[in-house]
């Protein structure tokens, strides 16, 4: 089973909110998740409130071989969490 860290889209049209989640790579984008790891709200004016990440759990998933998507890798890098 290959695990990916990726964003799951929520919200309504033109008001996107995303959840950072650990999912099996074969599941669809908004499908079943293994664990919710945080949120990303790009519309929030306060930069500190845009991204909320459970860093300890993200580090765990990365240590067991989860692969982040490109966007998630950029968000993690901004918060000082290295993908490898």
C-alpha atoms as a PDB file:
ATOM      1  CA  UNK A   1       0.000   0.000   0.000  1.00  0.00           C
ATOM      2  CA  UNK A   2       1.491   3.331  -1.088  1.00  0.00           C
ATOM      3  CA  UNK A   3       0.508   6.297   1.069  1.00  0.00           C
ATOM      4  CA  UNK A   4       0.395   9.873  -0.226  1.00  0.00           C
ATOM      5  CA  UNK A   5       0.041  13.127   1.666  1.00  0.00           C
ATOM      6  CA  UNK A   6      -2.285  15.325  -0.358  1.00  0.00           C
ATOM      7  CA  UNK A   7      -4.963  17.982  -0.170  1.00  0.00           C
ATOM      8  CA  UNK A   8      -8.666  17.138  -0.059  1.00  0.00           C
ATOM      9  CA  UNK A   9     -10.907  19.908  -1.411  1.00  0.00           C
ATOM     10  CA  UNK A  10     -13.825  21.164   0.686  1.00  0.00           C
ATOM     11  CA  UNK A  11     -15.940  24.300   0.699  1.00  0.00           C
ATOM     12  CA  UNK A  12     -18.270  25.635  -1.908  1.00  0.00           C
ATOM     13  CA  UNK A  13     -17.702  27.018  -5.365  1.00  0.00           C
ATOM     14  CA  UNK A  14     -15.067  29.799  -5.420  1.00  0.00           C
ATOM     15  CA  UNK A  15     -14.494  29.412  -1.650  1.00  0.00           C
ATOM     16  CA  UNK A  16     -12.035  26.532  -1.466  1.00  0.00           C
ATOM     17  CA  UNK A  17     -10.764  25.077   1.785  1.00  0.00           C
ATOM     18  CA  UNK A  18      -8.459  22.072   1.864  1.00  0.00           C
ATOM     19  CA  UNK A  19      -7.620  19.347   4.365  1.00  0.00           C
ATOM     20  CA  UNK A  20      -4.168  17.835   4.453  1.00  0.00           C
ATOM     21  CA  UNK A  21      -4.676  14.096   4.616  1.00  0.00           C
ATOM     22  CA  UNK A  22      -2.837  10.806   4.411  1.00  0.00           C
ATOM     23  CA  UNK A  23      -4.545   8.674   1.766  1.00  0.00           C
ATOM     24  CA  UNK A  24      -3.884   5.485  -0.091  1.00  0.00           C
ATOM     25  CA  UNK A  25      -2.508   6.431  -3.505  1.00  0.00           C
ATOM     26  CA  UNK A  26      -5.242   4.531  -5.387  1.00  0.00           C
ATOM     27  CA  UNK A  27      -8.116   6.433  -3.694  1.00  0.00           C
ATOM     28  CA  UNK A  28      -9.666   9.468  -5.419  1.00  0.00           C
ATOM     29  CA  UNK A  29      -8.783  13.000  -4.302  1.00  0.00           C
ATOM     30  CA  UNK A  30     -11.862  13.461  -2.121  1.00  0.00           C
ATOM     31  CA  UNK A  31     -12.187   9.780  -1.224  1.00  0.00           C
ATOM     32  CA  UNK A  32     -11.397   7.734   1.852  1.00  0.00           C
ATOM     33  CA  UNK A  33      -8.545   8.969   4.040  1.00  0.00           C
ATOM     34  CA  UNK A  34      -6.326   7.200   6.537  1.00  0.00           C
ATOM     35  CA  UNK A  35      -5.833  10.273   8.737  1.00  0.00           C
ATOM     36  CA  UNK A  36      -6.544  14.018   8.654  1.00  0.00           C
ATOM     37  CA  UNK A  37      -3.329  15.952   9.337  1.00  0.00           C
ATOM     38  CA  UNK A  38      -4.269  19.609   9.038  1.00  0.00           C
ATOM     39  CA  UNK A  39      -6.034  22.317   7.063  1.00  0.00           C
ATOM     40  CA  UNK A  40      -5.150  24.875   4.393  1.00  0.00           C
ATOM     41  CA  UNK A  41      -7.324  27.932   3.794  1.00  0.00           C
ATOM     42  CA  UNK A  42      -5.752  30.049   1.015  1.00  0.00           C
ATOM     43  CA  UNK A  43      -8.490  32.726   1.272  1.00  0.00           C
ATOM     44  CA  UNK A  44      -7.691  33.576   4.906  1.00  0.00           C
ATOM     45  CA  UNK A  45      -6.100  37.037   5.157  1.00  0.00           C
ATOM     46  CA  UNK A  46      -4.050  36.126   8.236  1.00  0.00           C
ATOM     47  CA  UNK A  47      -1.001  34.196   7.014  1.00  0.00           C
ATOM     48  CA  UNK A  48      -0.618  32.466  10.383  1.00  0.00           C
ATOM     49  CA  UNK A  49      -4.140  31.046  10.111  1.00  0.00           C
ATOM     50  CA  UNK A  50      -3.865  29.840   6.497  1.00  0.00           C
ATOM     51  CA  UNK A  51      -2.095  26.576   7.291  1.00  0.00           C
ATOM     52  CA  UNK A  52      -2.557  24.405  10.366  1.00  0.00           C
ATOM     53  CA  UNK A  53      -0.478  21.227  10.426  1.00  0.00           C
ATOM     54  CA  UNK A  54      -0.084  18.463  13.002  1.00  0.00           C
ATOM     55  CA  UNK A  55       3.680  18.345  12.496  1.00  0.00           C
ATOM     56  CA  UNK A  56       4.255  15.289  14.694  1.00  0.00           C
ATOM     57  CA  UNK A  57       1.834  13.129  12.698  1.00  0.00           C
ATOM     58  CA  UNK A  58       3.155  14.434   9.362  1.00  0.00           C
ATOM     59  CA  UNK A  59       6.687  13.483  10.406  1.00  0.00           C
ATOM     60  CA  UNK A  60       5.417  10.021  11.371  1.00  0.00           C
ATOM     61  CA  UNK A  61       3.812   9.461   7.947  1.00  0.00           C
ATOM     62  CA  UNK A  62       6.935  10.689   6.180  1.00  0.00           C
ATOM     63  CA  UNK A  63       9.060   8.310   8.290  1.00  0.00           C
ATOM     64  CA  UNK A  64       6.993   5.295   7.219  1.00  0.00           C
ATOM     65  CA  UNK A  65       7.336   6.159   3.531  1.00  0.00           C
ATOM     66  CA  UNK A  66       4.431   8.455   2.656  1.00  0.00           C
ATOM     67  CA  UNK A  67       5.083  10.633  -0.389  1.00  0.00           C
ATOM     68  CA  UNK A  68       3.756  14.232  -0.356  1.00  0.00           C
ATOM     69  CA  UNK A  69       2.210  15.780  -3.444  1.00  0.00           C
ATOM     70  CA  UNK A  70       4.050  18.764  -4.942  1.00  0.00           C
ATOM     71  CA  UNK A  71       1.748  21.306  -3.283  1.00  0.00           C
ATOM     72  CA  UNK A  72       1.917  19.581   0.094  1.00  0.00           C
ATOM     73  CA  UNK A  73       5.709  19.403  -0.147  1.00  0.00           C
ATOM     74  CA  UNK A  74       5.815  23.196  -0.648  1.00  0.00           C
ATOM     75  CA  UNK A  75       3.528  23.797   2.343  1.00  0.00           C
ATOM     76  CA  UNK A  76       5.632  21.511   4.528  1.00  0.00           C
ATOM     77  CA  UNK A  77       8.828  23.213   3.412  1.00  0.00           C
ATOM     78  CA  UNK A  78       7.373  26.619   4.400  1.00  0.00           C
ATOM     79  CA  UNK A  79       6.750  25.241   7.888  1.00  0.00           C
ATOM     80  CA  UNK A  80      10.180  23.692   8.256  1.00  0.00           C
ATOM     81  CA  UNK A  81       9.185  20.057   7.765  1.00  0.00           C
ATOM     82  CA  UNK A  82      11.436  18.303   5.288  1.00  0.00           C
ATOM     83  CA  UNK A  83      10.024  15.600   3.042  1.00  0.00           C
ATOM     84  CA  UNK A  84      13.233  13.540   3.146  1.00  0.00           C
END
